[in-house]
């Protein structure tokens, strides 16, 4: 995709939706961190259903530690991989209290030192909680970037680096959320709704014409 079309791509995405943000529900940086850890290989909807019950009871490192691993599992057992996630959340809460005075760190190295926090999770927290222009590449963004020609790459890291280089600075802070919401509701994996796509003209998807016929404007 040309530089000019990348600019138009984000202009049109920005005009098609209000200022986007994560669909995970949270009221503090700590709640966000826990929600993102729980969201690995799970839907935001399933995480929200669980945290709506968990956070009113325990929403700080200490109160979650007080629940214990088995107590935590009671609240998150409907989420995939809940056993592993419970262990990671408990360990993260211990480290936050022992190493970071109970506060969520605002840098990549410290975030990635926490159990269950990889590069993608760190990027989400840095972007959403601390307003840093990071790019968390999930399956939606990886698919969109390659499908549209926005930023191609064979690995998540390659796509992340390409996006950071190609996205105009004016849109970089919100780009992660523009792309993930576009992928979740319009540029779907199996049946993209090309007929209602705001960036149809800029998109380089070779099969977009066939999907356009299925979803007329």
Protein backbone atom coordinates (compact mmCIF):
# COMPACT_ATOMS: atom_id res chain seq x y z
CA UNK A 1 0.00 0.00 0.00
CA UNK A 2 1.35 3.41 -0.94
CA UNK A 3 2.15 6.02 1.68
CA UNK A 4 -0.69 8.18 0.37
CA UNK A 5 -3.18 5.32 0.70
CA UNK A 6 -1.98 4.52 4.22
CA UNK A 7 -2.84 8.10 5.14
CA UNK A 8 -6.27 7.77 3.54
CA UNK A 9 -6.74 4.35 5.17
CA UNK A 10 -6.44 5.80 8.67
CA UNK A 11 -8.32 8.99 7.86
CA UNK A 12 -11.29 6.89 6.76
CA UNK A 13 -11.08 4.50 9.71
CA UNK A 14 -10.96 7.46 12.08
CA UNK A 15 -14.01 9.00 10.42
CA UNK A 16 -15.91 5.71 10.57
CA UNK A 17 -15.83 5.34 14.36
CA UNK A 18 -15.62 7.42 17.49
CA UNK A 19 -12.31 7.52 19.36
CA UNK A 20 -11.79 3.82 19.91
CA UNK A 21 -10.55 2.00 22.96
CA UNK A 22 -10.36 -1.52 24.30
CA UNK A 23 -13.62 -3.42 24.82
CA UNK A 24 -12.26 -4.89 28.04
CA UNK A 25 -13.94 -3.37 31.09
CA UNK A 26 -11.67 -1.84 33.74
CA UNK A 27 -11.44 1.05 36.20
CA UNK A 28 -7.73 1.09 37.02
CA UNK A 29 -4.39 0.22 35.47
CA UNK A 30 -4.28 -2.90 37.62
CA UNK A 31 -7.73 -4.05 36.47
CA UNK A 32 -6.65 -3.46 32.86
CA UNK A 33 -3.48 -5.52 33.35
CA UNK A 34 -5.40 -8.44 34.85
CA UNK A 35 -8.08 -8.28 32.16
CA UNK A 36 -5.48 -8.34 29.39
CA UNK A 37 -3.68 -11.31 30.97
CA UNK A 38 -7.01 -13.14 31.15
CA UNK A 39 -7.87 -12.26 27.54
CA UNK A 40 -5.10 -14.40 26.00
CA UNK A 41 -6.81 -16.87 23.65
CA UNK A 42 -10.18 -15.74 25.00
CA UNK A 43 -12.80 -13.23 23.92
CA UNK A 44 -13.21 -9.85 25.56
CA UNK A 45 -16.84 -10.78 26.20
CA UNK A 46 -15.88 -13.85 28.24
CA UNK A 47 -13.30 -11.86 30.21
CA UNK A 48 -15.79 -9.09 30.98
CA UNK A 49 -18.35 -11.60 32.23
CA UNK A 50 -15.77 -12.97 34.66
CA UNK A 51 -14.28 -9.67 35.83
CA UNK A 52 -17.71 -8.17 36.48
CA UNK A 53 -17.90 -10.68 39.33
CA UNK A 54 -14.21 -10.67 40.27
CA UNK A 55 -13.35 -6.97 40.44
CA UNK A 56 -16.10 -5.94 42.91
CA UNK A 57 -14.61 -8.53 45.27
CA UNK A 58 -10.89 -8.22 44.48
CA UNK A 59 -9.33 -5.54 42.30
CA UNK A 60 -5.92 -4.91 43.87
CA UNK A 61 -2.83 -7.12 44.11
CA UNK A 62 -3.43 -7.72 47.81
CA UNK A 63 -7.12 -8.58 47.56
CA UNK A 64 -6.51 -11.02 44.73
CA UNK A 65 -3.70 -12.62 46.72
CA UNK A 66 -6.10 -12.91 49.63
CA UNK A 67 -8.42 -14.93 47.39
CA UNK A 68 -5.65 -17.42 46.70
CA UNK A 69 -5.24 -19.41 43.53
CA UNK A 70 -8.28 -21.63 44.14
CA UNK A 71 -10.43 -18.66 45.11
CA UNK A 72 -9.40 -16.83 41.95
CA UNK A 73 -10.23 -19.85 39.80
CA UNK A 74 -13.80 -19.72 41.08
CA UNK A 75 -14.23 -16.37 39.31
CA UNK A 76 -12.32 -17.09 36.08
CA UNK A 77 -13.17 -20.76 35.47
CA UNK A 78 -15.33 -19.83 32.47
CA UNK A 79 -12.28 -18.42 30.66
CA UNK A 80 -10.03 -20.63 28.57
CA UNK A 81 -6.74 -21.75 30.18
CA UNK A 82 -8.01 -20.54 33.56
CA UNK A 83 -5.70 -22.81 35.55
CA UNK A 84 -2.55 -21.36 34.01
CA UNK A 85 -3.95 -17.85 34.10
CA UNK A 86 -4.78 -18.14 37.80
CA UNK A 87 -1.17 -19.11 38.56
CA UNK A 88 0.14 -16.22 36.45
CA UNK A 89 -2.19 -13.66 38.02
CA UNK A 90 -1.24 -14.73 41.56
CA UNK A 91 2.47 -14.56 40.71
CA UNK A 92 1.99 -11.17 39.05
CA UNK A 93 0.23 -9.83 42.13
CA UNK A 94 3.09 -11.07 44.33
CA UNK A 95 5.67 -9.38 42.10
CA UNK A 96 3.70 -6.13 41.94
CA UNK A 97 3.67 -5.94 45.73
CA UNK A 98 7.26 -7.06 46.27
CA UNK A 99 8.97 -5.26 43.39
CA UNK A 100 6.76 -2.36 42.29
CA UNK A 101 5.03 -1.14 45.45
CA UNK A 102 1.73 -2.51 44.19
CA UNK A 103 1.75 -0.30 41.09
CA UNK A 104 1.60 -1.37 37.45
CA UNK A 105 4.96 -0.45 35.86
CA UNK A 106 4.95 1.89 32.88
CA UNK A 107 7.84 0.40 30.91
CA UNK A 108 8.19 -2.69 28.74
CA UNK A 109 11.02 -4.41 30.60
CA UNK A 110 9.26 -4.37 33.96
CA UNK A 111 5.90 -5.33 32.49
CA UNK A 112 7.37 -8.28 30.61
CA UNK A 113 9.02 -9.47 33.83
CA UNK A 114 5.54 -10.23 35.19
CA UNK A 115 4.03 -13.70 34.86
CA UNK A 116 1.69 -14.03 31.90
CA UNK A 117 2.82 -10.77 30.34
CA UNK A 118 4.40 -11.04 26.91
CA UNK A 119 5.13 -8.40 24.33
CA UNK A 120 1.52 -8.10 23.12
CA UNK A 121 0.10 -7.72 26.63
CA UNK A 122 2.79 -5.18 27.51
CA UNK A 123 1.98 -3.21 24.37
CA UNK A 124 -1.73 -3.10 25.23
CA UNK A 125 -1.05 -1.84 28.75
CA UNK A 126 1.54 0.71 27.62
CA UNK A 127 -0.83 2.03 24.98
CA UNK A 128 -4.15 1.96 26.83
CA UNK A 129 -3.03 2.75 30.38
CA UNK A 130 -0.05 5.00 29.75
CA UNK A 131 -0.77 6.55 26.35
CA UNK A 132 2.35 5.24 24.65
CA UNK A 133 2.24 4.77 20.84
CA UNK A 134 2.80 1.01 20.86
CA UNK A 135 1.30 -1.54 18.49
CA UNK A 136 -0.07 -4.77 19.97
CA UNK A 137 -0.47 -7.17 17.07
CA UNK A 138 -3.16 -9.78 17.68
CA UNK A 139 -4.73 -12.17 15.16
CA UNK A 140 -7.07 -9.46 13.83
CA UNK A 141 -4.31 -6.93 13.23
CA UNK A 142 -1.94 -9.53 11.77
CA UNK A 143 -4.67 -10.58 9.32
CA UNK A 144 -5.69 -7.04 8.34
CA UNK A 145 -2.13 -5.84 7.88
CA UNK A 146 -1.30 -8.65 5.48
CA UNK A 147 -4.69 -8.85 3.75
CA UNK A 148 -4.97 -5.15 2.97
CA UNK A 149 -1.30 -4.59 2.15
CA UNK A 150 -1.06 -2.07 4.97
CA UNK A 151 2.03 -3.77 6.44
CA UNK A 152 3.02 -7.26 5.37
CA UNK A 153 5.12 -9.71 7.36
CA UNK A 154 5.41 -13.40 8.18
CA UNK A 155 5.73 -12.90 11.92
CA UNK A 156 3.88 -10.84 14.51
CA UNK A 157 7.04 -8.89 15.31
CA UNK A 158 7.69 -8.14 11.63
CA UNK A 159 4.16 -6.79 11.22
CA UNK A 160 4.45 -4.76 14.43
CA UNK A 161 7.67 -3.13 13.26
CA UNK A 162 6.27 -2.44 9.79
CA UNK A 163 3.13 -0.83 11.24
CA UNK A 164 5.14 1.41 13.54
CA UNK A 165 7.10 2.63 10.53
CA UNK A 166 4.14 3.09 8.20
CA UNK A 167 1.32 4.49 10.34
CA UNK A 168 1.16 8.31 10.31
CA UNK A 169 2.10 9.78 13.69
CA UNK A 170 -1.27 11.50 14.03
CA UNK A 171 -2.99 8.10 14.15
CA UNK A 172 -0.37 5.95 15.87
CA UNK A 173 -1.71 6.26 19.41
CA UNK A 174 -5.16 4.94 18.44
CA UNK A 175 -4.08 2.72 15.54
CA UNK A 176 -4.17 -0.52 17.55
CA UNK A 177 -7.81 0.02 18.45
CA UNK A 178 -8.84 1.23 14.99
CA UNK A 179 -7.42 -1.93 13.47
CA UNK A 180 -8.66 -4.43 16.03
CA UNK A 181 -12.22 -3.08 15.92
CA UNK A 182 -12.14 -3.03 12.12
CA UNK A 183 -10.97 -6.65 12.12
CA UNK A 184 -13.49 -7.74 14.72
CA UNK A 185 -16.57 -6.26 13.05
CA UNK A 186 -15.82 -5.59 9.36
CA UNK A 187 -12.66 -7.23 8.01
CA UNK A 188 -13.55 -10.62 9.50
CA UNK A 189 -11.40 -13.69 8.95
CA UNK A 190 -13.74 -15.90 6.93
CA UNK A 191 -16.28 -13.45 5.58
CA UNK A 192 -15.08 -9.85 5.43
CA UNK A 193 -17.93 -7.39 4.96
CA UNK A 194 -16.29 -5.62 2.04
CA UNK A 195 -19.52 -3.95 0.99
CA UNK A 196 -19.54 -1.93 4.20
CA UNK A 197 -15.81 -1.34 4.46
CA UNK A 198 -14.77 2.32 4.80
CA UNK A 199 -11.32 1.57 3.36
CA UNK A 200 -12.43 -0.57 0.43
CA UNK A 201 -10.73 1.66 -2.14
CA UNK A 202 -7.36 1.60 -0.38
CA UNK A 203 -7.45 -2.11 0.47
CA UNK A 204 -5.31 -4.41 -1.70
CA UNK A 205 -7.14 -7.66 -0.81
CA UNK A 206 -7.15 -9.62 -4.07
CA UNK A 207 -10.58 -11.19 -3.42
CA UNK A 208 -12.39 -8.08 -2.22
CA UNK A 209 -14.55 -7.82 -5.35
CA UNK A 210 -16.08 -11.23 -4.75
CA UNK A 211 -16.93 -10.33 -1.14
CA UNK A 212 -18.29 -6.97 -2.28
CA UNK A 213 -21.00 -8.80 -4.22
CA UNK A 214 -22.07 -10.65 -1.06
CA UNK A 215 -22.41 -7.50 1.03
CA UNK A 216 -23.73 -4.61 -1.01
CA UNK A 217 -23.53 -1.06 0.31
